[in-house]
C-alpha atoms as a PDB file:
ATOM      1  CA  MET A   1     113.688 100.245 104.522  1.00  0.00           C
ATOM      2  CA  LEU A   2     110.180  99.482 105.332  1.00  0.00           C
ATOM      3  CA  THR A   3     109.893  95.719 106.508  1.00  0.00           C
ATOM      4  CA  GLY A   4     107.154  93.106 106.800  1.00  0.00           C
ATOM      5  CA  PHE A   5     105.105  94.461 103.838  1.00  0.00           C
ATOM      6  CA  SER A   6     105.059  94.569 100.159  1.00  0.00           C
ATOM      7  CA  SER A   7     106.903  97.872  99.880  1.00  0.00           C
ATOM      8  CA  LYS A   8     108.987 100.180  98.019  1.00  0.00           C
ATOM      9  CA  THR A   9     111.066 102.940  99.267  1.00  0.00           C
ATOM     10  CA  ALA A  10     112.584 106.285  98.167  1.00  0.00           C
ATOM     11  CA  ASN A  11     114.417 107.054 101.475  1.00  0.00           C
ATOM     12  CA  ALA A  12     117.292 104.655 102.411  1.00  0.00           C
ATOM     13  CA  GLU A  13     117.476 106.356 105.844  1.00  0.00           C
ATOM     14  CA  ALA A  14     113.820 105.630 106.740  1.00  0.00           C
ATOM     15  CA  SER A  15     113.354 103.985 110.088  1.00  0.00           C
ATOM     16  CA  ALA A  16     112.254 100.335 110.117  1.00  0.00           C
ATOM     17  CA  ILE A  17     108.713  99.602 110.537  1.00  0.00           C
ATOM     18  CA  ALA A  18     107.923  96.018 112.025  1.00  0.00           C
ATOM     19  CA  PRO A  19     105.061  93.984 110.587  1.00  0.00           C
ATOM     20  CA  ALA A  20     101.561  95.045 111.531  1.00  0.00           C
ATOM     21  CA  ALA A  21      98.203  93.288 112.327  1.00  0.00           C
ATOM     22  CA  HIS A  22      96.003  95.979 110.594  1.00  0.00           C
ATOM     23  CA  LEU A  23      96.166  99.449 108.936  1.00  0.00           C
ATOM     24  CA  LEU A  24      95.971 101.315 112.173  1.00  0.00           C
ATOM     25  CA  SER A  25      99.240  99.740 113.407  1.00  0.00           C
ATOM     26  CA  ILE A  26     100.821 100.667 110.027  1.00  0.00           C
ATOM     27  CA  VAL A  27     100.081 104.160 110.505  1.00  0.00           C
ATOM     28  CA  GLN A  28     101.058 104.083 114.042  1.00  0.00           C
ATOM     29  CA  ARG A  29     104.386 102.861 113.178  1.00  0.00           C
ATOM     30  CA  ILE A  30     104.814 105.325 110.430  1.00  0.00           C
ATOM     31  CA  LEU A  31     104.025 108.154 112.882  1.00  0.00           C
ATOM     32  CA  ASP A  32     106.693 106.590 115.272  1.00  0.00           C
ATOM     33  CA  SER A  33     109.261 106.481 112.596  1.00  0.00           C
ATOM     34  CA  GLN A  34     108.460 110.092 111.448  1.00  0.00           C
ATOM     35  CA  SER A  35     108.952 108.954 107.840  1.00  0.00           C
ATOM     36  CA  ASN A  36     106.449 110.506 105.465  1.00  0.00           C
ATOM     37  CA  ALA A  37     104.876 107.602 103.468  1.00  0.00           C
ATOM     38  CA  GLN A  38     102.096 106.491 101.108  1.00  0.00           C
ATOM     39  CA  ILE A  39     100.024 103.567 101.745  1.00  0.00           C
ATOM     40  CA  THR A  40      98.691 101.880  98.694  1.00  0.00           C
ATOM     41  CA  LEU A  41      95.856  99.316  98.389  1.00  0.00           C
ATOM     42  CA  PRO A  42      95.563  98.179  94.628  1.00  0.00           C
ATOM     43  CA  ASP A  43      92.226  99.145  93.119  1.00  0.00           C
ATOM     44  CA  MET A  44      91.223 100.896  96.432  1.00  0.00           C
ATOM     45  CA  GLY A  45      93.101 103.881  96.937  1.00  0.00           C
ATOM     46  CA  THR A  46      96.189 105.755  98.416  1.00  0.00           C
ATOM     47  CA  LEU A  47      96.523 107.239 101.910  1.00  0.00           C
ATOM     48  CA  THR A  48      99.429 109.678 102.297  1.00  0.00           C
ATOM     49  CA  VAL A  49     100.785 109.866 106.015  1.00  0.00           C
ATOM     50  CA  LEU A  50     102.753 112.979 106.950  1.00  0.00           C
ATOM     51  CA  PRO A  51     104.096 112.747 110.508  1.00  0.00           C
ATOM     52  CA  GLN A  52     106.188 115.766 110.505  1.00  0.00           C
ATOM     53  CA  ARG A  53     103.186 117.899 109.273  1.00  0.00           C
ATOM     54  CA  ARG A  54     100.685 115.936 111.560  1.00  0.00           C
ATOM     55  CA  GLU A  55      98.529 115.588 108.442  1.00  0.00           C
ATOM     56  CA  TYR A  56      97.287 113.031 105.776  1.00  0.00           C
ATOM     57  CA  HIS A  57      95.745 112.884 102.469  1.00  0.00           C
ATOM     58  CA  ALA A  58      93.174 110.272 101.318  1.00  0.00           C
ATOM     59  CA  ASP A  59      92.443 109.271  97.932  1.00  0.00           C
ATOM     60  CA  VAL A  60      90.320 106.314  98.952  1.00  0.00           C
ATOM     61  CA  GLU A  61      86.673 105.687  97.765  1.00  0.00           C
ATOM     62  CA  ASN A  62      85.637 103.580 100.746  1.00  0.00           C
ATOM     63  CA  MET A  63      87.514 104.188 103.827  1.00  0.00           C
ATOM     64  CA  GLU A  64      85.809 101.421 106.031  1.00  0.00           C
ATOM     65  CA  ALA A  65      86.874  98.720 103.427  1.00  0.00           C
ATOM     66  CA  PHE A  66      90.356 100.205 103.056  1.00  0.00           C
ATOM     67  CA  SER A  67      90.931 100.299 106.786  1.00  0.00           C
ATOM     68  CA  THR A  68      89.778  96.667 107.456  1.00  0.00           C
ATOM     69  CA  SER A  69      91.716  95.181 104.667  1.00  0.00           C
ATOM     70  CA  SER A  70      94.513  92.806 105.598  1.00  0.00           C
ATOM     71  CA  ALA A  71      97.760  94.532 106.460  1.00  0.00           C
ATOM     72  CA  ALA A  72      99.754  92.238 104.097  1.00  0.00           C
ATOM     73  CA  ALA A  73      97.738  93.781 101.159  1.00  0.00           C
ATOM     74  CA  PHE A  74      99.069  97.207 101.545  1.00  0.00           C
ATOM     75  CA  GLU A  75     102.114  98.634  99.661  1.00  0.00           C
ATOM     76  CA  ILE A  76     104.048 101.293 101.659  1.00  0.00           C
ATOM     77  CA  THR A  77     106.436 103.878  99.906  1.00  0.00           C
ATOM     78  CA  THR A  78     108.575 106.330 102.005  1.00  0.00           C
ATOM     79  CA  LEU A  79     108.738 109.846 100.474  1.00  0.00           C
ATOM     80  CA  ASP A  80     111.897 111.498  99.730  1.00  0.00           C
ATOM     81  CA  ILE A  81     112.281 115.232 100.106  1.00  0.00           C
ATOM     82  CA  SER A  82     111.536 116.251  96.465  1.00  0.00           C
ATOM     83  CA  THR A  83     108.265 114.202  96.451  1.00  0.00           C
ATOM     84  CA  LEU A  84     107.215 115.604  99.849  1.00  0.00           C
ATOM     85  CA  ALA A  85     107.735 119.123  98.470  1.00  0.00           C
ATOM     86  CA  SER A  86     105.104 118.652  95.800  1.00  0.00           C
ATOM     87  CA  ILE A  87     102.457 117.727  98.133  1.00  0.00           C
ATOM     88  CA  PRO A  88     100.409 120.798  99.265  1.00  0.00           C
ATOM     89  CA  TYR A  89      99.750 121.919 102.819  1.00  0.00           C
ATOM     90  CA  SER A  90      96.215 121.139 102.661  1.00  0.00           C
ATOM     91  CA  GLY A  91      96.029 117.827 104.463  1.00  0.00           C
ATOM     92  CA  LYS A  92      93.599 116.938 107.260  1.00  0.00           C
ATOM     93  CA  ASP A  93      94.494 116.543 110.850  1.00  0.00           C
ATOM     94  CA  ILE A  94      96.219 113.138 111.448  1.00  0.00           C
ATOM     95  CA  ARG A  95      94.099 112.618 114.576  1.00  0.00           C
ATOM     96  CA  ASP A  96      91.028 112.387 112.477  1.00  0.00           C
ATOM     97  CA  LEU A  97      92.632 109.555 110.531  1.00  0.00           C
ATOM     98  CA  LEU A  98      93.498 107.599 113.818  1.00  0.00           C
ATOM     99  CA  TRP A  99      89.857 108.125 114.916  1.00  0.00           C
ATOM    100  CA  GLN A 100      88.620 106.590 111.594  1.00  0.00           C
ATOM    101  CA  LEU A 101      90.951 103.589 111.540  1.00  0.00           C
ATOM    102  CA  ALA A 102      90.143 102.519 115.212  1.00  0.00           C
ATOM    103  CA  PHE A 103      86.502 103.160 114.707  1.00  0.00           C
ATOM    104  CA  TYR A 104      86.172 100.687 111.695  1.00  0.00           C
ATOM    105  CA  ILE A 105      88.716  98.156 113.142  1.00  0.00           C
ATOM    106  CA  TYR A 106      87.472  98.004 116.716  1.00  0.00           C
ATOM    107  CA  GLU A 107      83.681  97.606 116.203  1.00  0.00           C
ATOM    108  CA  GLU A 108      83.072  95.667 119.671  1.00  0.00           C
ATOM    109  CA  SER A 109      86.303  95.351 121.500  1.00  0.00           C
ATOM    110  CA  LEU A 110      88.358  97.925 123.365  1.00  0.00           C
ATOM    111  CA  ILE A 111      91.649  98.968 121.649  1.00  0.00           C
ATOM    112  CA  GLU A 112      94.657  97.912 123.239  1.00  0.00           C
ATOM    113  CA  GLY A 113      95.818  99.935 126.313  1.00  0.00           C
ATOM    114  CA  CYS A 114      92.255 100.360 127.507  1.00  0.00           C
ATOM    115  CA  SER A 115      90.645  98.570 130.250  1.00  0.00           C
ATOM    116  CA  GLU A 116      86.890  98.667 131.044  1.00  0.00           C
ATOM    117  CA  ASN A 117      87.698  99.809 134.548  1.00  0.00           C
ATOM    118  CA  ASP A 118      89.801 102.740 133.634  1.00  0.00           C
ATOM    119  CA  VAL A 119      88.443 106.226 134.656  1.00  0.00           C
ATOM    120  CA  ILE A 120      88.762 108.458 131.555  1.00  0.00           C
ATOM    121  CA  GLN A 121      88.056 111.876 130.354  1.00  0.00           C
ATOM    122  CA  PHE A 122      87.924 113.541 126.748  1.00  0.00           C
ATOM    123  CA  ASN A 123      90.458 116.469 126.744  1.00  0.00           C
ATOM    124  CA  ARG A 124      88.528 117.893 123.766  1.00  0.00           C
ATOM    125  CA  TRP A 125      85.260 117.535 121.785  1.00  0.00           C
ATOM    126  CA  PRO A 126      85.823 115.389 118.663  1.00  0.00           C
ATOM    127  CA  ASN A 127      84.690 116.965 115.412  1.00  0.00           C
ATOM    128  CA  LEU A 128      81.593 114.675 114.796  1.00  0.00           C
ATOM    129  CA  THR A 129      80.561 116.401 111.616  1.00  0.00           C
ATOM    130  CA  ARG A 130      83.665 114.903 109.660  1.00  0.00           C
ATOM    131  CA  LEU A 131      84.163 111.541 111.669  1.00  0.00           C
ATOM    132  CA  PRO A 132      82.234 108.309 111.600  1.00  0.00           C
ATOM    133  CA  VAL A 133      79.999 107.923 114.728  1.00  0.00           C
ATOM    134  CA  THR A 134      77.519 105.861 116.313  1.00  0.00           C
ATOM    135  CA  PRO A 135      74.110 107.059 117.274  1.00  0.00           C
ATOM    136  CA  ASN A 136      75.181 107.726 120.769  1.00  0.00           C
ATOM    137  CA  THR A 137      78.631 109.189 120.097  1.00  0.00           C
ATOM    138  CA  ALA A 138      77.490 112.873 120.951  1.00  0.00           C
ATOM    139  CA  ARG A 139      76.075 111.562 124.289  1.00  0.00           C
ATOM    140  CA  ILE A 140      79.041 109.608 125.341  1.00  0.00           C
ATOM    141  CA  SER A 141      81.264 112.890 124.263  1.00  0.00           C
ATOM    142  CA  ALA A 142      79.000 115.102 126.302  1.00  0.00           C
ATOM    143  CA  LEU A 143      79.541 112.920 129.325  1.00  0.00           C
ATOM    144  CA  LEU A 144      83.359 112.433 129.039  1.00  0.00           C
ATOM    145  CA  THR A 145      84.260 116.126 128.353  1.00  0.00           C
ATOM    146  CA  ARG A 146      82.451 117.212 131.400  1.00  0.00           C
ATOM    147  CA  HIS A 147      83.123 114.395 134.058  1.00  0.00           C
ATOM    148  CA  PRO A 148      85.961 111.621 134.481  1.00  0.00           C
ATOM    149  CA  THR A 149      84.086 108.377 134.381  1.00  0.00           C
ATOM    150  CA  SER A 150      84.876 104.786 134.090  1.00  0.00           C
ATOM    151  CA  ILE A 151      84.181 103.074 130.864  1.00  0.00           C
ATOM    152  CA  THR A 152      81.852 100.471 132.660  1.00  0.00           C
ATOM    153  CA  LEU A 153      79.922 103.524 134.241  1.00  0.00           C
ATOM    154  CA  VAL A 154      79.551 105.110 130.904  1.00  0.00           C
ATOM    155  CA  ARG A 155      77.385 102.306 129.741  1.00  0.00           C
ATOM    156  CA  ARG A 156      75.240 102.390 132.878  1.00  0.00           C
ATOM    157  CA  VAL A 157      74.580 105.860 133.015  1.00  0.00           C
ATOM    158  CA  LEU A 158      73.787 106.341 129.402  1.00  0.00           C
ATOM    159  CA  GLY A 159      72.048 103.012 129.055  1.00  0.00           C
ATOM    160  CA  ILE A 160      74.244 102.218 126.013  1.00  0.00           C
ATOM    161  CA  ASP A 161      75.323  98.754 124.653  1.00  0.00           C
ATOM    162  CA  LYS A 162      79.010  97.695 125.487  1.00  0.00           C
ATOM    163  CA  SER A 163      79.949  97.365 121.942  1.00  0.00           C
ATOM    164  CA  GLU A 164      78.975 100.949 121.041  1.00  0.00           C
ATOM    165  CA  VAL A 165      80.717 102.417 124.033  1.00  0.00           C
ATOM    166  CA  ASN A 166      83.940 100.249 123.389  1.00  0.00           C
ATOM    167  CA  ARG A 167      83.854 101.323 119.629  1.00  0.00           C
ATOM    168  CA  VAL A 168      83.750 105.143 120.598  1.00  0.00           C
ATOM    169  CA  ILE A 169      86.268 104.940 123.117  1.00  0.00           C
ATOM    170  CA  SER A 170      88.636 103.024 121.099  1.00  0.00           C
ATOM    171  CA  ALA A 171      88.439 105.719 118.322  1.00  0.00           C
ATOM    172  CA  ALA A 172      88.910 108.534 120.864  1.00  0.00           C
ATOM    173  CA  TYR A 173      91.904 106.744 122.427  1.00  0.00           C
ATOM    174  CA  SER A 174      93.468 106.147 119.077  1.00  0.00           C
ATOM    175  CA  ALA A 175      92.895 109.812 118.299  1.00  0.00           C
ATOM    176  CA  GLY A 176      94.622 110.950 121.480  1.00  0.00           C
ATOM    177  CA  ILE A 177      91.789 112.861 123.021  1.00  0.00           C
ATOM    178  CA  ILE A 178      91.479 110.693 126.114  1.00  0.00           C
ATOM    179  CA  ASN A 179      93.190 111.537 129.444  1.00  0.00           C
ATOM    180  CA  THR A 180      93.347 108.363 131.648  1.00  0.00           C
ATOM    181  CA  VAL A 181      92.548 109.589 135.229  1.00  0.00           C
ATOM    182  CA  SER A 182      93.163 106.211 136.839  1.00  0.00           C
ATOM    183  CA  ARG A 183      93.756 102.741 135.548  1.00  0.00           C
ATOM    184  CA  GLY A 184      91.635  99.824 136.787  1.00  0.00           C
ATOM    185  CA  PRO A 185      92.432  96.054 136.624  1.00  0.00           C
ATOM    186  CA  SER A 186      91.761  94.540 133.250  1.00  0.00           C
ATOM    187  CA  LEU A 187      89.196  91.855 133.965  1.00  0.00           C
ATOM    188  CA  VAL A 188      87.550  89.233 131.967  1.00  0.00           C
ATOM    189  CA  SER A 189      84.283  90.651 133.057  1.00  0.00           C
ATOM    190  CA  SER A 190      83.871  93.853 134.942  1.00  0.00           C
ATOM    191  CA  GLU A 191      80.163  93.389 135.469  1.00  0.00           C
ATOM    192  CA  PRO A 192      79.272  92.652 139.270  1.00  0.00           C
ATOM    193  CA  PRO A 193      77.219  89.661 140.361  1.00  0.00           C
ATOM    194  CA  ALA A 194      73.437  90.009 139.766  1.00  0.00           C
ATOM    195  CA  ALA A 195      72.719  90.158 143.431  1.00  0.00           C
ATOM    196  CA  GLU A 196      75.130  93.128 143.969  1.00  0.00           C
ATOM    197  CA  THR A 197      73.817  94.841 140.960  1.00  0.00           C
ATOM    198  CA  LYS A 198      70.378  94.847 142.193  1.00  0.00           C
ATOM    199  CA  THR A 199      71.221  96.319 145.683  1.00  0.00           C
ATOM    200  CA  VAL A 200      73.950  98.860 144.614  1.00  0.00           C
ATOM    201  CA  GLU A 201      72.661 100.052 141.146  1.00  0.00           C
ATOM    202  CA  PRO A 202      69.359 101.908 141.970  1.00  0.00           C
ATOM    203  CA  GLN A 203      71.135 104.196 144.431  1.00  0.00           C
ATOM    204  CA  ARG A 204      74.166 104.698 142.060  1.00  0.00           C
ATOM    205  CA  LEU A 205      72.137 105.171 138.888  1.00  0.00           C
ATOM    206  CA  GLY A 206      69.593 107.558 140.733  1.00  0.00           C
ATOM    207  CA  LEU A 207      72.382 109.828 141.431  1.00  0.00           C
ATOM    208  CA  TRP A 208      74.084 109.727 138.036  1.00  0.00           C
ATOM    209  CA  ASN A 209      70.956 109.886 136.298  1.00  0.00           C
ATOM    210  CA  SER A 210      70.017 113.119 138.161  1.00  0.00           C
ATOM    211  CA  LEU A 211      73.455 114.707 137.369  1.00  0.00           C
ATOM    212  CA  PHE A 212      73.417 113.759 133.651  1.00  0.00           C
ATOM    213  CA  ALA A 213      69.683 114.059 132.774  1.00  0.00           C
ATOM    214  CA  LYS A 214      70.408 116.668 130.041  1.00  0.00           C
ATOM    215  CA  ILE A 215      73.177 114.731 128.675  1.00  0.00           C
ATOM    216  CA  SER A 216      71.037 111.488 128.560  1.00  0.00           C
ATOM    217  CA  SER A 217      68.441 113.324 126.695  1.00  0.00           C
ATOM    218  CA  LEU A 218      70.663 114.499 123.728  1.00  0.00           C
END
C-alpha cells in the first residue's frame, strides 16, 4: 500500500512509500519502490511514473503549478500489470521529469545532498530544448560539461546570481547528470571575508576568465 497520501492501489504487493514533503520526493520514492504509479491532482492533471521503463507520461496543463502543489493534495494509484500493458511505450525520459520538478521546487536553494563547496561536473549535456531553463543555463552547462568546478566558483567565473546557479545545479543533480568530484564542507556561508576576496579574486578570476572567455560570451 502507498502510505502517507490520499491514495488508491491496484497492487497489494507494492512497496510502501513514506510521506513526502513535495512532488519530487513522491516521484523519487516511487522510483525507489519500482512500483509503476499514477499521481493525480484534482482539476490539474495526472502524471504517470513508470520506473521499470524509466519513462513518464504527463497529462498536466501547468507543470510548474502541479510540481509546487502540496504533497498532501496528490492522489497516488499503483498500476497493476493489465493497466500497465495498456500504456504505450512512448513516454519521456524520467530524467527530464526529475529536472523539471527540482527546477520548479528549488528556485533559490540547493537540493539536499549538494553543498556550495562541492566540486562537480556534468556527465552529459542536458536537453535544453525540452526543459525549463534560466537565462544562463547554457553557460553553466558549457562550463560544467568541460571542467570540474566548485558550485561557488561557477558563480564567480560566470558572474551569475547564486539563486540561478543553485536552481540549475539542483535540477541537474535531481536528473542524475552530475558527478561529484569532491565534497566540500557544508557551510552557512561559503563566501570569503571581504578583505580576502579583494586580494585573492583578481588573480583567480583573471585565470578563469581567460580560460572560459568563450563560455562566458554564450
